[in-house]
Protein backbone atom coordinates (compact mmCIF):
# COMPACT_ATOMS: atom_id res chain seq x y z
CA MET A 1 18.05 21.23 76.87
CA SER A 2 14.46 19.08 76.98
CA GLY A 3 11.09 20.65 74.92
CA PRO A 4 7.99 21.31 76.13
CA PHE A 5 6.85 17.97 74.95
CA HIS A 6 8.79 16.08 77.82
CA SER A 7 6.45 17.55 80.00
CA ARG A 8 4.69 15.23 82.58
CA ASN A 9 1.03 16.11 81.08
CA PHE A 10 2.33 14.43 78.07
CA ARG A 11 3.01 10.76 79.05
CA SER A 12 0.38 8.47 77.60
CA ARG A 13 -1.24 6.15 80.26
CA GLU A 14 -3.17 3.08 80.27
CA PRO A 15 -6.69 3.40 80.08
CA LEU A 16 -8.51 2.00 82.78
CA HIS A 17 -10.41 -0.26 81.32
CA ARG A 18 -9.71 -0.96 77.32
CA ARG A 19 -13.12 -0.36 75.31
CA ASN A 20 -14.30 -0.89 71.60
CA GLY A 21 -11.74 -0.36 69.46
CA LYS A 22 -8.80 -0.23 72.16
CA ILE A 23 -9.45 -3.95 73.10
CA ARG A 24 -6.80 -6.16 71.13
CA ALA A 25 -7.96 -9.38 71.78
CA ARG A 26 -8.64 -11.22 68.22
CA GLU A 27 -11.67 -13.07 69.79
CA VAL A 28 -13.18 -12.27 73.50
CA ARG A 29 -15.70 -13.97 75.41
CA VAL A 30 -19.20 -11.49 75.79
CA LEU A 31 -21.30 -11.18 78.69
CA ASP A 32 -24.46 -8.48 78.01
CA GLU A 33 -25.81 -5.94 79.92
CA THR A 34 -27.86 -8.28 81.86
CA LYS A 35 -24.20 -10.41 82.38
CA GLN A 36 -25.99 -12.99 80.36
CA GLN A 37 -23.34 -14.99 78.85
CA LEU A 38 -23.18 -14.47 74.96
CA GLY A 39 -20.10 -16.77 74.30
CA VAL A 40 -16.53 -16.96 72.95
CA MET A 41 -16.79 -15.22 69.42
CA PRO A 42 -14.31 -12.59 67.22
CA LEU A 43 -13.77 -9.40 68.08
CA ASN A 44 -15.60 -7.45 65.63
CA ASP A 45 -18.65 -9.78 66.13
CA ALA A 46 -19.09 -8.41 69.62
CA LEU A 47 -18.19 -5.23 68.76
CA GLN A 48 -21.21 -4.85 66.44
CA ILE A 49 -23.61 -6.43 69.09
CA ALA A 50 -22.92 -3.56 71.43
CA ARG A 51 -23.13 -1.12 68.66
CA ASN A 52 -26.51 -2.42 67.28
CA LYS A 53 -27.57 -1.60 71.21
CA GLY A 54 -26.32 1.68 71.32
CA LEU A 55 -23.63 0.72 73.89
CA ASP A 56 -20.04 0.22 74.55
CA LEU A 57 -17.95 -3.26 74.70
CA VAL A 58 -15.91 -2.90 77.77
CA GLU A 59 -12.84 -5.69 78.59
CA VAL A 60 -13.14 -6.54 82.44
CA ALA A 61 -11.14 -9.50 82.55
CA PRO A 62 -8.14 -8.79 80.36
CA ASN A 63 -6.22 -12.04 81.96
CA ALA A 64 -8.31 -14.24 80.92
CA THR A 65 -8.26 -16.55 77.91
CA PRO A 66 -9.63 -15.16 75.86
CA PRO A 67 -10.27 -12.15 77.77
CA VAL A 68 -13.56 -11.25 79.13
CA CYS A 69 -15.94 -8.30 77.81
CA ARG A 70 -19.24 -6.90 78.72
CA ILE A 71 -22.05 -4.63 76.84
CA VAL A 72 -22.12 -1.82 78.77
CA ASP A 73 -22.88 2.17 79.33
CA TYR A 74 -19.77 2.69 80.25
CA GLY A 75 -20.50 5.72 82.23
CA LYS A 76 -22.95 4.49 84.50
CA PHE A 77 -20.26 1.61 84.77
CA LEU A 78 -17.57 3.77 86.05
CA TYR A 79 -20.38 4.88 88.18
CA GLU A 80 -21.44 1.81 89.47
CA GLU A 81 -17.38 0.55 89.90
CA ALA A 82 -17.12 3.88 92.14
CA LYS A 83 -19.99 3.10 94.32
CA ARG A 84 -18.88 -0.67 94.74
CA ALA A 85 -14.78 0.84 95.81
CA LYS A 86 -16.33 3.46 98.47
CA GLU A 87 -18.88 0.49 99.73
CA SER A 88 -15.83 -1.83 100.41
CA GLN A 89 -13.61 0.87 101.76
CA GLY A 90 -16.57 1.87 104.43
CA ARG A 91 -16.53 -1.59 105.26
CA GLN A 92 -13.00 -1.29 105.92
CA THR A 93 -13.09 1.37 107.77
CA GLY A 94 -15.48 -0.11 109.93
CA SER A 95 -13.46 -2.76 110.67
CA LYS A 96 -11.31 -0.22 113.13
CA MET A 97 -11.65 -0.64 116.69
CA LYS A 98 -12.03 1.85 118.95
CA GLU A 99 -12.00 0.90 122.86
CA LEU A 100 -13.85 2.74 126.22
CA GLN A 101 -13.13 1.92 129.67
CA ILE A 102 -15.77 2.57 132.00
CA SER A 103 -16.39 1.00 135.97
CA ALA A 104 -19.62 0.11 137.61
CA SER A 105 -19.50 2.95 139.79
CA ILE A 106 -18.95 5.62 137.09
CA ASP A 107 -19.71 8.86 137.63
CA PRO A 108 -22.86 10.00 135.74
CA HIS A 109 -21.38 13.13 134.34
CA ASP A 110 -18.21 10.73 133.17
CA LEU A 111 -20.69 8.17 131.41
CA LEU A 112 -21.90 10.98 129.21
CA VAL A 113 -18.46 11.91 128.15
CA LYS A 114 -17.60 8.13 127.33
CA VAL A 115 -20.85 8.03 125.32
CA SER A 116 -19.70 11.45 123.39
CA HIS A 117 -16.40 9.47 122.38
CA ALA A 118 -18.39 6.50 121.78
CA VAL A 119 -20.68 8.67 118.98
CA GLY A 120 -18.11 10.29 117.65
CA PHE A 121 -16.36 7.06 116.85
CA LEU A 122 -19.29 5.25 115.07
CA CYS A 123 -20.29 8.55 113.20
CA ASP A 124 -16.65 7.93 111.38
CA ASP A 125 -17.68 3.78 111.16
CA MET A 126 -15.56 2.61 113.63
CA LYS A 127 -16.49 -0.11 116.22
CA VAL A 128 -16.46 0.40 119.50
CA ARG A 129 -15.55 -2.18 122.65
CA VAL A 130 -16.66 -0.94 125.24
CA LYS A 131 -14.69 -3.00 128.95
CA LEU A 132 -16.01 -2.71 132.27
CA ARG A 133 -13.69 -4.19 135.06
CA PHE A 134 -14.94 -4.88 138.34
CA ARG A 135 -12.71 -4.34 140.89
CA GLY A 136 -12.16 -5.68 144.98
CA ARG A 137 -16.35 -6.27 145.67
CA GLN A 138 -17.63 -5.21 142.53
CA ARG A 139 -17.28 -8.99 141.42
CA ALA A 140 -19.90 -9.95 144.23
CA HIS A 141 -22.35 -7.53 142.34
CA LYS A 142 -21.88 -7.97 139.03
CA GLU A 143 -25.70 -7.32 137.93
CA ILE A 144 -24.90 -3.74 138.30
CA GLY A 145 -21.97 -3.87 136.06
CA PHE A 146 -24.39 -5.61 133.33
CA ASP A 147 -26.83 -2.81 133.99
CA MET A 148 -24.11 0.24 133.51
CA VAL A 149 -23.25 -1.88 129.73
CA ASN A 150 -26.81 -1.96 128.99
CA ARG A 151 -27.67 1.81 129.60
CA PHE A 152 -24.52 2.77 128.04
CA ILE A 153 -25.82 0.42 124.97
CA LYS A 154 -29.32 2.18 125.32
CA GLU A 155 -27.61 5.78 125.17
CA ILE A 156 -26.14 5.07 121.69
CA ALA A 157 -28.89 2.92 120.64
CA SER A 158 -29.42 5.78 117.41
CA TYR A 159 -25.89 5.02 116.36
CA GLY A 160 -24.67 1.61 116.86
CA GLN A 161 -25.81 -1.73 118.07
CA ALA A 162 -24.59 -4.25 119.70
CA ASP A 163 -22.92 -7.21 118.10
CA ALA A 164 -24.13 -9.41 120.42
CA PRO A 165 -24.82 -9.36 124.49
CA PRO A 166 -22.56 -7.93 127.29
CA LYS A 167 -20.51 -10.93 128.18
CA MET A 168 -17.44 -11.57 130.52
CA LEU A 169 -14.00 -12.30 129.64
CA GLY A 170 -12.40 -14.58 132.15
CA GLU A 171 -13.17 -13.49 136.17
CA ARG A 172 -13.00 -9.21 135.78
CA ASP A 173 -13.78 -7.69 132.63
CA LEU A 174 -17.32 -7.23 131.12
CA ASN A 175 -16.90 -6.56 127.48
CA VAL A 176 -19.63 -5.86 124.46
CA VAL A 177 -18.79 -4.40 120.77
CA ILE A 178 -20.79 -2.31 119.28
CA SER A 179 -20.86 -1.38 115.74
CA PRO A 180 -21.91 1.36 113.95
CA LEU A 181 -25.35 1.81 111.99
CA PRO A 182 -26.07 2.11 108.16
CA ARG A 183 -25.57 5.69 107.74
CA ASN A 184 -28.91 5.86 106.36
CA LYS A 185 -29.86 4.45 109.73
CA ARG A 186 -27.37 6.52 111.91
CA ALA A 187 -28.57 9.98 113.98
CA LYS A 188 -27.49 12.36 112.33
CA ASN A 189 -23.61 13.90 114.06
CA PRO A 190 -24.00 15.92 116.82
CA LYS A 191 -20.58 17.24 116.14
CA ALA A 192 -21.71 18.43 112.91
CA ASP A 193 -23.79 21.11 114.77
CA HIS A 194 -21.66 22.06 117.08
CA PRO A 195 -18.27 23.23 115.74
CA PRO A 196 -14.87 23.81 118.14
CA PRO A 197 -14.34 27.49 119.09
CA PRO A 198 -11.50 28.58 117.14
CA ALA A 199 -8.11 27.25 118.65
CA ASP A 200 -6.43 30.80 119.16
CA ARG A 201 -9.23 32.18 121.29
CA ALA A 202 -11.08 30.60 124.44
CA PRO A 203 -14.93 31.52 124.25
CA ALA A 204 -15.63 34.94 125.92
CA ASN A 205 -17.11 33.57 129.41
CA GLU A 206 -14.20 31.58 129.97
CA SER A 207 -11.67 32.80 132.67
CA SER A 208 -8.00 32.68 133.02
CA GLU A 209 -8.38 29.78 135.51
CA THR A 210 -10.16 27.67 133.73
CA SER A 211 -8.30 28.32 129.74
CA GLY A 212 -4.90 27.05 131.98
CA ASP A 213 -3.52 30.39 131.90
CA LYS A 214 -1.15 31.06 134.70
CA PRO A 215 -0.86 34.59 136.68
CA LEU A 216 2.24 36.67 135.80
CA GLU A 217 4.68 36.31 138.76
CA SER A 218 6.60 39.46 140.32
CA PRO A 219 10.01 39.67 139.09
CA GLU A 220 12.36 39.13 142.78
CA PRO A 221 13.37 42.99 143.80
């Protein structure tokens, strides 16, 4: 029978970064707190410089020869790393794209629905491709399609901006790609102020017809 000390909570783990007395190399290349190179020196000398500054010596490139260490405030160093990782994740999310299709003769209400969808995607840091397909005689009046797409761009201007002016792809498709504005310049997500009603009950003013319920059928005699 295994004892209590075999619990996974007691497994040793390699630290995120080796620092100070945990650094194993005898000799290291040192960068100071402003990232200026101090050169290669014995580990003890680097540790002493860090101590004199009231800072930590952190190994940032353990596989280099010799390993590279920085003199930093370790707490601030971790915060900056986490911030960079979050920004990188945001850029990766922003590279995802959703596509919305509209027509030159789209109903005004349907256009507002499409705009609402686009706003939701942009607030989730996704790009939006808007595609307008010309059908039949519409191809002879492409200016109407351009006006419609430009109107769409104007409607979502508080949330995103076009990467480039709308342009034709082939003879029938008018396209534009819209990227989300930075979060600090973007309007507040409207969905945050209007949470959906609970799924287990319909709004009070909704009848059985609009909610999709069917009347009960009488049993056959």
